[in-house]
Amino acid sequence: MSHRVSLKNMVFYGFHGVYEFERELGQRFYVDLDLKADLSQAGKSDNLQETVDYVSIYNQTKEIVENNRFQLLEALAYHIGGEVLRLHPLVEEVIVRVRKPSVPIAAALDYVEVESVRRREQ
């Protein structure tokens, strides 16, 4: 049985980007996580130890976004997904979406988004 836990539209201030000014000035990044896991035991027991602790995942995501520097959104998303899988053994799959609204493009657009899907290796 598979369940989904989602953390949507988390907002962090980070220093990621290809250009030096992006890594110096920083900007807001928006992150969504969709976690797939079998949480049927938690549903039966009502025990935090048998589910995915989304407070812990939020704090880990915040730590990664705010205390690391990546040039590419792809690298940021990949790193977040890897840490979720490493630290939360119940998670079978994680979908990470990172949005960057302040992109250095001479165009009208809301944001650029990268999506990374990582699965636990069997």
PDB file of N, CA and C in Angstrom:
ATOM      1  N   MET A   1       0.851  -1.175   0.000  1.00  0.00           N
ATOM      2  CA  MET A   1       0.000   0.000   0.000  1.00  0.00           C
ATOM      3  C   MET A   1       0.895   1.236   0.000  1.00  0.00           C
ATOM      4  N   SER A   2       0.512   2.224  -0.769  1.00  0.00           N
ATOM      5  CA  SER A   2       1.331   3.426  -0.871  1.00  0.00           C
ATOM      6  C   SER A   2       0.528   4.650  -0.435  1.00  0.00           C
ATOM      7  N   HIS A   3       1.199   5.532   0.269  1.00  0.00           N
ATOM      8  CA  HIS A   3       0.620   6.783   0.727  1.00  0.00           C
ATOM      9  C   HIS A   3       1.505   7.924   0.237  1.00  0.00           C
ATOM     10  N   ARG A   4       0.977   9.119   0.311  1.00  0.00           N
ATOM     11  CA  ARG A   4       1.746  10.290  -0.096  1.00  0.00           C
ATOM     12  C   ARG A   4       1.693  11.342   1.001  1.00  0.00           C
ATOM     13  N   VAL A   5       2.851  11.906   1.300  1.00  0.00           N
ATOM     14  CA  VAL A   5       2.962  13.057   2.194  1.00  0.00           C
ATOM     15  C   VAL A   5       3.527  14.186   1.339  1.00  0.00           C
ATOM     16  N   SER A   6       2.886  15.350   1.367  1.00  0.00           N
ATOM     17  CA  SER A   6       3.336  16.483   0.551  1.00  0.00           C
ATOM     18  C   SER A   6       3.652  17.685   1.434  1.00  0.00           C
ATOM     19  N   LEU A   7       4.731  18.346   1.106  1.00  0.00           N
ATOM     20  CA  LEU A   7       5.084  19.634   1.699  1.00  0.00           C
ATOM     21  C   LEU A   7       5.110  20.608   0.527  1.00  0.00           C
ATOM     22  N   LYS A   8       4.210  21.570   0.516  1.00  0.00           N
ATOM     23  CA  LYS A   8       4.029  22.431  -0.650  1.00  0.00           C
ATOM     24  C   LYS A   8       4.419  23.876  -0.371  1.00  0.00           C
ATOM     25  N   ASN A   9       5.093  24.442  -1.349  1.00  0.00           N
ATOM     26  CA  ASN A   9       5.395  25.869  -1.373  1.00  0.00           C
ATOM     27  C   ASN A   9       6.209  26.350  -0.175  1.00  0.00           C
ATOM     28  N   MET A  10       7.181  25.525   0.238  1.00  0.00           N
ATOM     29  CA  MET A  10       8.103  25.963   1.288  1.00  0.00           C
ATOM     30  C   MET A  10       8.973  27.081   0.703  1.00  0.00           C
ATOM     31  N   VAL A  11       9.216  28.119   1.462  1.00  0.00           N
ATOM     32  CA  VAL A  11       9.969  29.277   0.982  1.00  0.00           C
ATOM     33  C   VAL A  11      11.253  29.410   1.787  1.00  0.00           C
ATOM     34  N   PHE A  12      12.376  29.483   1.065  1.00  0.00           N
ATOM     35  CA  PHE A  12      13.686  29.608   1.709  1.00  0.00           C
ATOM     36  C   PHE A  12      14.491  30.678   0.979  1.00  0.00           C
ATOM     37  N   TYR A  13      15.467  31.227   1.671  1.00  0.00           N
ATOM     38  CA  TYR A  13      16.371  32.190   1.050  1.00  0.00           C
ATOM     39  C   TYR A  13      17.712  31.502   0.863  1.00  0.00           C
ATOM     40  N   GLY A  14      18.153  31.431  -0.397  1.00  0.00           N
ATOM     41  CA  GLY A  14      19.392  30.733  -0.691  1.00  0.00           C
ATOM     42  C   GLY A  14      20.266  31.505  -1.657  1.00  0.00           C
ATOM     43  N   PHE A  15      21.447  30.960  -1.887  1.00  0.00           N
ATOM     44  CA  PHE A  15      22.477  31.613  -2.695  1.00  0.00           C
ATOM     45  C   PHE A  15      22.907  30.687  -3.837  1.00  0.00           C
ATOM     46  N   HIS A  16      21.962  30.345  -4.695  1.00  0.00           N
ATOM     47  CA  HIS A  16      22.209  29.404  -5.780  1.00  0.00           C
ATOM     48  C   HIS A  16      22.087  30.118  -7.115  1.00  0.00           C
ATOM     49  N   GLY A  17      22.907  29.704  -8.051  1.00  0.00           N
ATOM     50  CA  GLY A  17      22.827  30.265  -9.396  1.00  0.00           C
ATOM     51  C   GLY A  17      24.162  30.165 -10.100  1.00  0.00           C
ATOM     52  N   VAL A  18      24.111  30.300 -11.389  1.00  0.00           N
ATOM     53  CA  VAL A  18      25.310  30.231 -12.215  1.00  0.00           C
ATOM     54  C   VAL A  18      26.122  31.515 -12.088  1.00  0.00           C
ATOM     55  N   TYR A  19      25.425  32.632 -11.945  1.00  0.00           N
ATOM     56  CA  TYR A  19      26.104  33.928 -11.933  1.00  0.00           C
ATOM     57  C   TYR A  19      26.545  34.315 -10.523  1.00  0.00           C
ATOM     58  N   GLU A  20      27.684  34.967 -10.470  1.00  0.00           N
ATOM     59  CA  GLU A  20      28.276  35.385  -9.196  1.00  0.00           C
ATOM     60  C   GLU A  20      27.307  36.239  -8.377  1.00  0.00           C
ATOM     61  N   PHE A  21      26.614  37.172  -9.014  1.00  0.00           N
ATOM     62  CA  PHE A  21      25.704  38.048  -8.263  1.00  0.00           C
ATOM     63  C   PHE A  21      24.572  37.256  -7.607  1.00  0.00           C
ATOM     64  N   GLU A  22      24.150  36.149  -8.207  1.00  0.00           N
ATOM     65  CA  GLU A  22      23.108  35.319  -7.595  1.00  0.00           C
ATOM     66  C   GLU A  22      23.627  34.659  -6.319  1.00  0.00           C
ATOM     67  N   ARG A  23      24.879  34.232  -6.363  1.00  0.00           N
ATOM     68  CA  ARG A  23      25.475  33.562  -5.198  1.00  0.00           C
ATOM     69  C   ARG A  23      25.885  34.560  -4.119  1.00  0.00           C
ATOM     70  N   GLU A  24      26.030  35.825  -4.477  1.00  0.00           N
ATOM     71  CA  GLU A  24      26.373  36.857  -3.489  1.00  0.00           C
ATOM     72  C   GLU A  24      25.132  37.480  -2.856  1.00  0.00           C
ATOM     73  N   LEU A  25      24.141  37.838  -3.679  1.00  0.00           N
ATOM     74  CA  LEU A  25      22.947  38.522  -3.181  1.00  0.00           C
ATOM     75  C   LEU A  25      21.899  37.561  -2.630  1.00  0.00           C
ATOM     76  N   GLY A  26      21.790  36.395  -3.226  1.00  0.00           N
ATOM     77  CA  GLY A  26      20.780  35.437  -2.811  1.00  0.00           C
ATOM     78  C   GLY A  26      19.395  35.825  -3.298  1.00  0.00           C
ATOM     79  N   GLN A  27      18.453  34.918  -3.074  1.00  0.00           N
ATOM     80  CA  GLN A  27      17.069  35.143  -3.472  1.00  0.00           C
ATOM     81  C   GLN A  27      16.187  34.058  -2.872  1.00  0.00           C
ATOM     82  N   ARG A  28      14.887  34.212  -3.065  1.00  0.00           N
ATOM     83  CA  ARG A  28      13.943  33.209  -2.574  1.00  0.00           C
ATOM     84  C   ARG A  28      13.883  32.022  -3.514  1.00  0.00           C
ATOM     85  N   PHE A  29      13.720  30.844  -2.899  1.00  0.00           N
ATOM     86  CA  PHE A  29      13.482  29.604  -3.628  1.00  0.00           C
ATOM     87  C   PHE A  29      12.259  28.949  -3.018  1.00  0.00           C
ATOM     88  N   TYR A  30      11.441  28.356  -3.860  1.00  0.00           N
ATOM     89  CA  TYR A  30      10.225  27.673  -3.425  1.00  0.00           C
ATOM     90  C   TYR A  30      10.412  26.184  -3.688  1.00  0.00           C
ATOM     91  N   VAL A  31      10.104  25.366  -2.693  1.00  0.00           N
ATOM     92  CA  VAL A  31      10.339  23.927  -2.800  1.00  0.00           C
ATOM     93  C   VAL A  31       9.060  23.173  -2.451  1.00  0.00           C
ATOM     94  N   ASP A  32       8.737  22.181  -3.286  1.00  0.00           N
ATOM     95  CA  ASP A  32       7.655  21.237  -3.013  1.00  0.00           C
ATOM     96  C   ASP A  32       8.273  19.849  -2.898  1.00  0.00           C
ATOM     97  N   LEU A  33       7.763  19.050  -1.975  1.00  0.00           N
ATOM     98  CA  LEU A  33       8.171  17.651  -1.855  1.00  0.00           C
ATOM     99  C   LEU A  33       6.928  16.777  -1.851  1.00  0.00           C
ATOM    100  N   ASP A  34       6.956  15.719  -2.628  1.00  0.00           N
ATOM    101  CA  ASP A  34       5.947  14.667  -2.572  1.00  0.00           C
ATOM    102  C   ASP A  34       6.687  13.382  -2.216  1.00  0.00           C
ATOM    103  N   LEU A  35       6.304  12.796  -1.089  1.00  0.00           N
ATOM    104  CA  LEU A  35       6.969  11.601  -0.585  1.00  0.00           C
ATOM    105  C   LEU A  35       6.010  10.431  -0.675  1.00  0.00           C
ATOM    106  N   LYS A  36       6.472   9.333  -1.243  1.00  0.00           N
ATOM    107  CA  LYS A  36       5.648   8.129  -1.318  1.00  0.00           C
ATOM    108  C   LYS A  36       6.221   7.091  -0.357  1.00  0.00           C
ATOM    109  N   ALA A  37       5.329   6.518   0.451  1.00  0.00           N
ATOM    110  CA  ALA A  37       5.748   5.542   1.456  1.00  0.00           C
ATOM    111  C   ALA A  37       4.556   4.700   1.872  1.00  0.00           C
ATOM    112  N   ASP A  38       4.833   3.530   2.403  1.00  0.00           N
ATOM    113  CA  ASP A  38       3.782   2.701   2.988  1.00  0.00           C
ATOM    114  C   ASP A  38       3.614   3.140   4.437  1.00  0.00           C
ATOM    115  N   LEU A  39       2.541   3.841   4.712  1.00  0.00           N
ATOM    116  CA  LEU A  39       2.293   4.387   6.053  1.00  0.00           C
ATOM    117  C   LEU A  39       1.107   3.704   6.726  1.00  0.00           C
ATOM    118  N   SER A  40       0.762   2.517   6.261  1.00  0.00           N
ATOM    119  CA  SER A  40      -0.393   1.831   6.831  1.00  0.00           C
ATOM    120  C   SER A  40      -0.191   1.496   8.311  1.00  0.00           C
ATOM    121  N   GLN A  41       1.031   1.170   8.718  1.00  0.00           N
ATOM    122  CA  GLN A  41       1.267   0.869  10.130  1.00  0.00           C
ATOM    123  C   GLN A  41       1.033   2.113  10.996  1.00  0.00           C
ATOM    124  N   ALA A  42       1.448   3.269  10.519  1.00  0.00           N
ATOM    125  CA  ALA A  42       1.210   4.511  11.260  1.00  0.00           C
ATOM    126  C   ALA A  42      -0.279   4.811  11.362  1.00  0.00           C
ATOM    127  N   GLY A  43      -1.012   4.487  10.303  1.00  0.00           N
ATOM    128  CA  GLY A  43      -2.461   4.687  10.333  1.00  0.00           C
ATOM    129  C   GLY A  43      -3.128   3.835  11.400  1.00  0.00           C
ATOM    130  N   LYS A  44      -2.598   2.643  11.596  1.00  0.00           N
ATOM    131  CA  LYS A  44      -3.146   1.745  12.611  1.00  0.00           C
ATOM    132  C   LYS A  44      -2.717   2.133  14.023  1.00  0.00           C
ATOM    133  N   SER A  45      -1.440   2.522  14.166  1.00  0.00           N
ATOM    134  CA  SER A  45      -0.877   2.733  15.511  1.00  0.00           C
ATOM    135  C   SER A  45      -0.997   4.167  16.026  1.00  0.00           C
ATOM    136  N   ASP A  46      -1.115   5.145  15.108  1.00  0.00           N
ATOM    137  CA  ASP A  46      -1.116   6.558  15.495  1.00  0.00           C
ATOM    138  C   ASP A  46       0.190   6.930  16.200  1.00  0.00           C
ATOM    139  N   ASN A  47       1.307   6.362  15.708  1.00  0.00           N
ATOM    140  CA  ASN A  47       2.619   6.535  16.328  1.00  0.00           C
ATOM    141  C   ASN A  47       3.553   7.258  15.359  1.00  0.00           C
ATOM    142  N   LEU A  48       4.116   8.384  15.797  1.00  0.00           N
ATOM    143  CA  LEU A  48       5.011   9.186  14.964  1.00  0.00           C
ATOM    144  C   LEU A  48       6.220   8.387  14.486  1.00  0.00           C
ATOM    145  N   GLN A  49       6.691   7.437  15.269  1.00  0.00           N
ATOM    146  CA  GLN A  49       7.862   6.647  14.908  1.00  0.00           C
ATOM    147  C   GLN A  49       7.605   5.738  13.699  1.00  0.00           C
ATOM    148  N   GLU A  50       6.347   5.550  13.321  1.00  0.00           N
ATOM    149  CA  GLU A  50       6.008   4.657  12.219  1.00  0.00           C
ATOM    150  C   GLU A  50       5.522   5.402  10.975  1.00  0.00           C
ATOM    151  N   THR A  51       5.867   6.679  10.910  1.00  0.00           N
ATOM    152  CA  THR A  51       5.488   7.475   9.742  1.00  0.00           C
ATOM    153  C   THR A  51       6.657   8.328   9.298  1.00  0.00           C
ATOM    154  N   VAL A  52       6.417   9.210   8.365  1.00  0.00           N
ATOM    155  CA  VAL A  52       7.409  10.154   7.874  1.00  0.00           C
ATOM    156  C   VAL A  52       7.225  11.450   8.655  1.00  0.00           C
ATOM    157  N   ASP A  53       8.250  11.846   9.374  1.00  0.00           N
ATOM    158  CA  ASP A  53       8.191  13.057  10.200  1.00  0.00           C
ATOM    159  C   ASP A  53       8.420  14.279   9.313  1.00  0.00           C
ATOM    160  N   TYR A  54       7.336  14.928   8.911  1.00  0.00           N
ATOM    161  CA  TYR A  54       7.469  16.045   7.967  1.00  0.00           C
ATOM    162  C   TYR A  54       8.124  17.269   8.584  1.00  0.00           C
ATOM    163  N   VAL A  55       8.108  17.404   9.905  1.00  0.00           N
ATOM    164  CA  VAL A  55       8.832  18.509  10.547  1.00  0.00           C
ATOM    165  C   VAL A  55      10.329  18.322  10.335  1.00  0.00           C
ATOM    166  N   SER A  56      10.795  17.110  10.510  1.00  0.00           N
ATOM    167  CA  SER A  56      12.206  16.792  10.289  1.00  0.00           C
ATOM    168  C   SER A  56      12.597  17.028   8.829  1.00  0.00           C
ATOM    169  N   ILE A  57      11.739  16.611   7.918  1.00  0.00           N
ATOM    170  CA  ILE A  57      12.029  16.793   6.490  1.00  0.00           C
ATOM    171  C   ILE A  57      12.053  18.273   6.130  1.00  0.00           C
ATOM    172  N   TYR A  58      11.130  19.052   6.672  1.00  0.00           N
ATOM    173  CA  TYR A  58      11.140  20.501   6.444  1.00  0.00           C
ATOM    174  C   TYR A  58      12.480  21.092   6.911  1.00  0.00           C
ATOM    175  N   ASN A  59      12.883  20.745   8.129  1.00  0.00           N
ATOM    176  CA  ASN A  59      14.125  21.300   8.686  1.00  0.00           C
ATOM    177  C   ASN A  59      15.346  20.891   7.874  1.00  0.00           C
ATOM    178  N   GLN A  60      15.379  19.662   7.384  1.00  0.00           N
ATOM    179  CA  GLN A  60      16.503  19.212   6.553  1.00  0.00           C
ATOM    180  C   GLN A  60      16.526  19.941   5.224  1.00  0.00           C
ATOM    181  N   THR A  61      15.366  20.144   4.642  1.00  0.00           N
ATOM    182  CA  THR A  61      15.286  20.872   3.373  1.00  0.00           C
ATOM    183  C   THR A  61      15.752  22.312   3.560  1.00  0.00           C
ATOM    184  N   LYS A  62      15.305  22.945   4.621  1.00  0.00           N
ATOM    185  CA  LYS A  62      15.724  24.318   4.948  1.00  0.00           C
ATOM    186  C   LYS A  62      17.243  24.393   5.089  1.00  0.00           C
ATOM    187  N   GLU A  63      17.818  23.451   5.795  1.00  0.00           N
ATOM    188  CA  GLU A  63      19.271  23.404   6.003  1.00  0.00           C
ATOM    189  C   GLU A  63      20.004  23.307   4.657  1.00  0.00           C
ATOM    190  N   ILE A  64      19.537  22.440   3.787  1.00  0.00           N
ATOM    191  CA  ILE A  64      20.186  22.258   2.480  1.00  0.00           C
ATOM    192  C   ILE A  64      20.084  23.525   1.638  1.00  0.00           C
ATOM    193  N   VAL A  65      18.897  24.102   1.541  1.00  0.00           N
ATOM    194  CA  VAL A  65      18.699  25.273   0.679  1.00  0.00           C
ATOM    195  C   VAL A  65      19.455  26.486   1.223  1.00  0.00           C
ATOM    196  N   GLU A  66      19.414  26.685   2.529  1.00  0.00           N
ATOM    197  CA  GLU A  66      19.970  27.913   3.101  1.00  0.00           C
ATOM    198  C   GLU A  66      21.455  27.836   3.437  1.00  0.00           C
ATOM    199  N   ASN A  67      22.030  26.646   3.532  1.00  0.00           N
ATOM    200  CA  ASN A  67      23.426  26.528   3.979  1.00  0.00           C
ATOM    201  C   ASN A  67      24.344  25.856   2.971  1.00  0.00           C
ATOM    202  N   ASN A  68      23.900  25.726   1.748  1.00  0.00           N
ATOM    203  CA  ASN A  68      24.730  25.204   0.664  1.00  0.00           C
ATOM    204  C   ASN A  68      24.632  26.163  -0.510  1.00  0.00           C
ATOM    205  N   ARG A  69      25.536  25.995  -1.447  1.00  0.00           N
ATOM    206  CA  ARG A  69      25.509  26.809  -2.663  1.00  0.00           C
ATOM    207  C   ARG A  69      25.681  25.893  -3.861  1.00  0.00           C
ATOM    208  N   PHE A  70      24.690  25.930  -4.740  1.00  0.00           N
ATOM    209  CA  PHE A  70      24.729  25.156  -5.969  1.00  0.00           C
ATOM    210  C   PHE A  70      24.595  26.112  -7.143  1.00  0.00           C
ATOM    211  N   GLN A  71      25.243  25.798  -8.234  1.00  0.00           N
ATOM    212  CA  GLN A  71      25.044  26.603  -9.434  1.00  0.00           C
ATOM    213  C   GLN A  71      23.710  26.271 -10.083  1.00  0.00           C
ATOM    214  N   LEU A  72      23.349  24.985 -10.072  1.00  0.00           N
ATOM    215  CA  LEU A  72      22.176  24.533 -10.805  1.00  0.00           C
ATOM    216  C   LEU A  72      21.035  24.127  -9.888  1.00  0.00           C
ATOM    217  N   LEU A  73      19.808  24.470 -10.294  1.00  0.00           N
ATOM    218  CA  LEU A  73      18.628  23.999  -9.575  1.00  0.00           C
ATOM    219  C   LEU A  73      18.568  22.477  -9.590  1.00  0.00           C
ATOM    220  N   GLU A  74      19.039  21.873 -10.678  1.00  0.00           N
ATOM    221  CA  GLU A  74      19.065  20.418 -10.781  1.00  0.00           C
ATOM    222  C   GLU A  74      19.880  19.801  -9.644  1.00  0.00           C
ATOM    223  N   ALA A  75      21.019  20.392  -9.338  1.00  0.00           N
ATOM    224  CA  ALA A  75      21.878  19.879  -8.261  1.00  0.00           C
ATOM    225  C   ALA A  75      21.212  20.076  -6.903  1.00  0.00           C
ATOM    226  N   LEU A  76      20.580  21.208  -6.703  1.00  0.00           N
ATOM    227  CA  LEU A  76      19.873  21.463  -5.445  1.00  0.00           C
ATOM    228  C   LEU A  76      18.752  20.448  -5.243  1.00  0.00           C
ATOM    229  N   ALA A  77      17.927  20.244  -6.253  1.00  0.00           N
ATOM    230  CA  ALA A  77      16.815  19.296  -6.151  1.00  0.00           C
ATOM    231  C   ALA A  77      17.321  17.874  -5.936  1.00  0.00           C
ATOM    232  N   TYR A  78      18.353  17.489  -6.652  1.00  0.00           N
ATOM    233  CA  TYR A  78      18.915  16.141  -6.528  1.00  0.00           C
ATOM    234  C   TYR A  78      19.439  15.901  -5.116  1.00  0.00           C
ATOM    235  N   HIS A  79      20.116  16.895  -4.563  1.00  0.00           N
ATOM    236  CA  HIS A  79      20.682  16.783  -3.218  1.00  0.00           C
ATOM    237  C   HIS A  79      19.576  16.665  -2.160  1.00  0.00           C
ATOM    238  N   ILE A  80      18.541  17.452  -2.285  1.00  0.00           N
ATOM    239  CA  ILE A  80      17.409  17.365  -1.344  1.00  0.00           C
ATOM    240  C   ILE A  80      16.804  15.965  -1.395  1.00  0.00           C
ATOM    241  N   GLY A  81      16.539  15.457  -2.596  1.00  0.00           N
ATOM    242  CA  GLY A  81      15.954  14.130  -2.735  1.00  0.00           C
ATOM    243  C   GLY A  81      16.828  13.042  -2.136  1.00  0.00           C
ATOM    244  N   GLY A  82      18.120  13.137  -2.362  1.00  0.00           N
ATOM    245  CA  GLY A  82      19.049  12.149  -1.809  1.00  0.00           C
ATOM    246  C   GLY A  82      19.061  12.137  -0.296  1.00  0.00           C
ATOM    247  N   GLU A  83      19.012  13.313   0.303  1.00  0.00           N
ATOM    248  CA  GLU A  83      19.007  13.388   1.770  1.00  0.00           C
ATOM    249  C   GLU A  83      17.709  12.854   2.359  1.00  0.00           C
ATOM    250  N   VAL A  84      16.586  13.127   1.700  1.00  0.00           N
ATOM    251  CA  VAL A  84      15.309  12.581   2.173  1.00  0.00           C
ATOM    252  C   VAL A  84      15.369  11.059   2.173  1.00  0.00           C
ATOM    253  N   LEU A  85      15.856  10.467   1.092  1.00  0.00           N
ATOM    254  CA  LEU A  85      15.945   9.011   1.028  1.00  0.00           C
ATOM    255  C   LEU A  85      16.942   8.458   2.040  1.00  0.00           C
ATOM    256  N   ARG A  86      18.051   9.141   2.217  1.00  0.00           N
ATOM    257  CA  ARG A  86      19.088   8.666   3.146  1.00  0.00           C
ATOM    258  C   ARG A  86      18.615   8.698   4.596  1.00  0.00           C
ATOM    259  N   LEU A  87      17.904   9.735   4.964  1.00  0.00           N
ATOM    260  CA  LEU A  87      17.547   9.939   6.370  1.00  0.00           C
ATOM    261  C   LEU A  87      16.172   9.399   6.757  1.00  0.00           C
ATOM    262  N   HIS A  88      15.371   9.009   5.782  1.00  0.00           N
ATOM    263  CA  HIS A  88      14.006   8.557   6.077  1.00  0.00           C
ATOM    264  C   HIS A  88      13.742   7.230   5.364  1.00  0.00           C
ATOM    265  N   PRO A  89      14.046   6.123   6.027  1.00  0.00           N
ATOM    266  CA  PRO A  89      13.970   4.809   5.379  1.00  0.00           C
ATOM    267  C   PRO A  89      12.576   4.391   4.922  1.00  0.00           C
ATOM    268  N   LEU A  90      11.518   4.977   5.444  1.00  0.00           N
ATOM    269  CA  LEU A  90      10.177   4.627   4.988  1.00  0.00           C
ATOM    270  C   LEU A  90       9.849   5.213   3.608  1.00  0.00           C
ATOM    271  N   VAL A  91      10.534   6.267   3.239  1.00  0.00           N
ATOM    272  CA  VAL A  91      10.250   6.931   1.960  1.00  0.00           C
ATOM    273  C   VAL A  91      10.780   6.062   0.820  1.00  0.00           C
ATOM    274  N   GLU A  92       9.875   5.696  -0.083  1.00  0.00           N
ATOM    275  CA  GLU A  92      10.225   4.868  -1.241  1.00  0.00           C
ATOM    276  C   GLU A  92      10.572   5.716  -2.456  1.00  0.00           C
ATOM    277  N   GLU A  93       9.940   6.880  -2.558  1.00  0.00           N
ATOM    278  CA  GLU A  93      10.164   7.777  -3.684  1.00  0.00           C
ATOM    279  C   GLU A  93       9.950   9.207  -3.212  1.00  0.00           C
ATOM    280  N   VAL A  94      10.757  10.110  -3.739  1.00  0.00           N
ATOM    281  CA  VAL A  94      10.584  11.525  -3.431  1.00  0.00           C
ATOM    282  C   VAL A  94      10.615  12.313  -4.734  1.00  0.00           C
ATOM    283  N   ILE A  95       9.639  13.193  -4.883  1.00  0.00           N
ATOM    284  CA  ILE A  95       9.597  14.112  -6.011  1.00  0.00           C
ATOM    285  C   ILE A  95       9.879  15.495  -5.442  1.00  0.00           C
ATOM    286  N   VAL A  96      10.932  16.121  -5.942  1.00  0.00           N
ATOM    287  CA  VAL A  96      11.358  17.443  -5.474  1.00  0.00           C
ATOM    288  C   VAL A  96      11.143  18.436  -6.599  1.00  0.00           C
ATOM    289  N   ARG A  97      10.451  19.526  -6.310  1.00  0.00           N
ATOM    290  CA  ARG A  97      10.293  20.626  -7.260  1.00  0.00           C
ATOM    291  C   ARG A  97      10.904  21.870  -6.639  1.00  0.00           C
ATOM    292  N   VAL A  98      11.823  22.492  -7.359  1.00  0.00           N
ATOM    293  CA  VAL A  98      12.452  23.734  -6.904  1.00  0.00           C
ATOM    294  C   VAL A  98      12.104  24.813  -7.910  1.00  0.00           C
ATOM    295  N   ARG A  99      11.532  25.910  -7.404  1.00  0.00           N
ATOM    296  CA  ARG A  99      11.164  27.047  -8.251  1.00  0.00           C
ATOM    297  C   ARG A  99      12.035  28.255  -7.903  1.00  0.00           C
ATOM    298  N   LYS A 100      12.434  28.936  -8.945  1.00  0.00           N
ATOM    299  CA  LYS A 100      13.255  30.140  -8.809  1.00  0.00           C
ATOM    300  C   LYS A 100      12.552  31.255  -9.570  1.00  0.00           C
ATOM    301  N   PRO A 101      11.896  32.170  -8.847  1.00  0.00           N
ATOM    302  CA  PRO A 101      11.141  33.219  -9.537  1.00  0.00           C
ATOM    303  C   PRO A 101      12.011  34.338 -10.108  1.00  0.00           C
ATOM    304  N   SER A 102      13.152  34.593  -9.524  1.00  0.00           N
ATOM    305  CA  SER A 102      13.997  35.716  -9.968  1.00  0.00           C
ATOM    306  C   SER A 102      15.135  35.201 -10.842  1.00  0.00           C
ATOM    307  N   VAL A 103      14.788  34.792 -12.037  1.00  0.00           N
ATOM    308  CA  VAL A 103      15.806  34.267 -12.944  1.00  0.00           C
ATOM    309  C   VAL A 103      16.373  35.387 -13.803  1.00  0.00           C
ATOM    310  N   PRO A 104      17.675  35.326 -14.094  1.00  0.00           N
ATOM    311  CA  PRO A 104      18.291  36.381 -14.906  1.00  0.00           C
ATOM    312  C   PRO A 104      18.046  36.158 -16.401  1.00  0.00           C
ATOM    313  N   ILE A 105      16.771  36.267 -16.776  1.00  0.00           N
ATOM    314  CA  ILE A 105      16.370  36.119 -18.172  1.00  0.00           C
ATOM    315  C   ILE A 105      15.587  37.373 -18.551  1.00  0.00           C
ATOM    316  N   ALA A 106      15.890  37.913 -19.696  1.00  0.00           N
ATOM    317  CA  ALA A 106      15.157  39.091 -20.168  1.00  0.00           C
ATOM    318  C   ALA A 106      13.847  38.632 -20.800  1.00  0.00           C
ATOM    319  N   ALA A 107      12.925  38.194 -19.933  1.00  0.00           N
ATOM    320  CA  ALA A 107      11.640  37.686 -20.407  1.00  0.00           C
ATOM    321  C   ALA A 107      10.621  37.812 -19.291  1.00  0.00           C
ATOM    322  N   ALA A 108       9.362  37.801 -19.655  1.00  0.00           N
ATOM    323  CA  ALA A 108       8.290  37.824 -18.660  1.00  0.00           C
ATOM    324  C   ALA A 108       7.892  36.377 -18.361  1.00  0.00           C
ATOM    325  N   LEU A 109       8.130  35.952 -17.139  1.00  0.00           N
ATOM    326  CA  LEU A 109       7.733  34.621 -16.702  1.00  0.00           C
ATOM    327  C   LEU A 109       7.609  34.598 -15.182  1.00  0.00           C
ATOM    328  N   ASP A 110       6.799  33.685 -14.672  1.00  0.00           N
ATOM    329  CA  ASP A 110       6.594  33.594 -13.223  1.00  0.00           C
ATOM    330  C   ASP A 110       7.795  33.001 -12.515  1.00  0.00           C
ATOM    331  N   TYR A 111       8.323  31.908 -13.059  1.00  0.00           N
ATOM    332  CA  TYR A 111       9.450  31.227 -12.436  1.00  0.00           C
ATOM    333  C   TYR A 111       9.980  30.147 -13.364  1.00  0.00           C
ATOM    334  N   VAL A 112      11.152  29.652 -13.016  1.00  0.00           N
ATOM    335  CA  VAL A 112      11.715  28.456 -13.635  1.00  0.00           C
ATOM    336  C   VAL A 112      11.624  27.366 -12.583  1.00  0.00           C
ATOM    337  N   GLU A 113      11.239  26.165 -13.011  1.00  0.00           N
ATOM    338  CA  GLU A 113      11.087  25.056 -12.070  1.00  0.00           C
ATOM    339  C   GLU A 113      11.834  23.832 -12.583  1.00  0.00           C
ATOM    340  N   VAL A 114      12.486  23.139 -11.649  1.00  0.00           N
ATOM    341  CA  VAL A 114      13.134  21.868 -11.936  1.00  0.00           C
ATOM    342  C   VAL A 114      12.477  20.820 -11.061  1.00  0.00           C
ATOM    343  N   GLU A 115      12.202  19.657 -11.655  1.00  0.00           N
ATOM    344  CA  GLU A 115      11.640  18.550 -10.907  1.00  0.00           C
ATOM    345  C   GLU A 115      12.599  17.374 -10.960  1.00  0.00           C
ATOM    346  N   SER A 116      12.847  16.783  -9.790  1.00  0.00           N
ATOM    347  CA  SER A 116      13.724  15.623  -9.674  1.00  0.00           C
ATOM    348  C   SER A 116      12.947  14.506  -8.994  1.00  0.00           C
ATOM    349  N   VAL A 117      12.960  13.321  -9.590  1.00  0.00           N
ATOM    350  CA  VAL A 117      12.301  12.155  -9.010  1.00  0.00           C
ATOM    351  C   VAL A 117      13.386  11.157  -8.637  1.00  0.00           C
ATOM    352  N   ARG A 118      13.427  10.800  -7.348  1.00  0.00           N
ATOM    353  CA  ARG A 118      14.413   9.821  -6.875  1.00  0.00           C
ATOM    354  C   ARG A 118      13.675   8.691  -6.186  1.00  0.00           C
ATOM    355  N   ARG A 119      14.138   7.468  -6.472  1.00  0.00           N
ATOM    356  CA  ARG A 119      13.537   6.270  -5.865  1.00  0.00           C
ATOM    357  C   ARG A 119      14.597   5.515  -5.083  1.00  0.00           C
ATOM    358  N   ARG A 120      14.144   4.895  -4.037  1.00  0.00           N
ATOM    359  CA  ARG A 120      15.028   4.056  -3.246  1.00  0.00           C
ATOM    360  C   ARG A 120      15.457   2.872  -4.103  1.00  0.00           C
ATOM    361  N   GLU A 121      16.740   2.589  -4.091  1.00  0.00           N
ATOM    362  CA  GLU A 121      17.250   1.448  -4.855  1.00  0.00           C
ATOM    363  C   GLU A 121      16.897   0.169  -4.128  1.00  0.00           C
ATOM    364  N   GLN A 122      16.466  -0.815  -4.881  1.00  0.00           N
ATOM    365  CA  GLN A 122      16.027  -2.083  -4.299  1.00  0.00           C
ATOM    366  C   GLN A 122      17.198  -2.917  -3.827  1.00  0.00           C
TER     367      GLN A 122
END
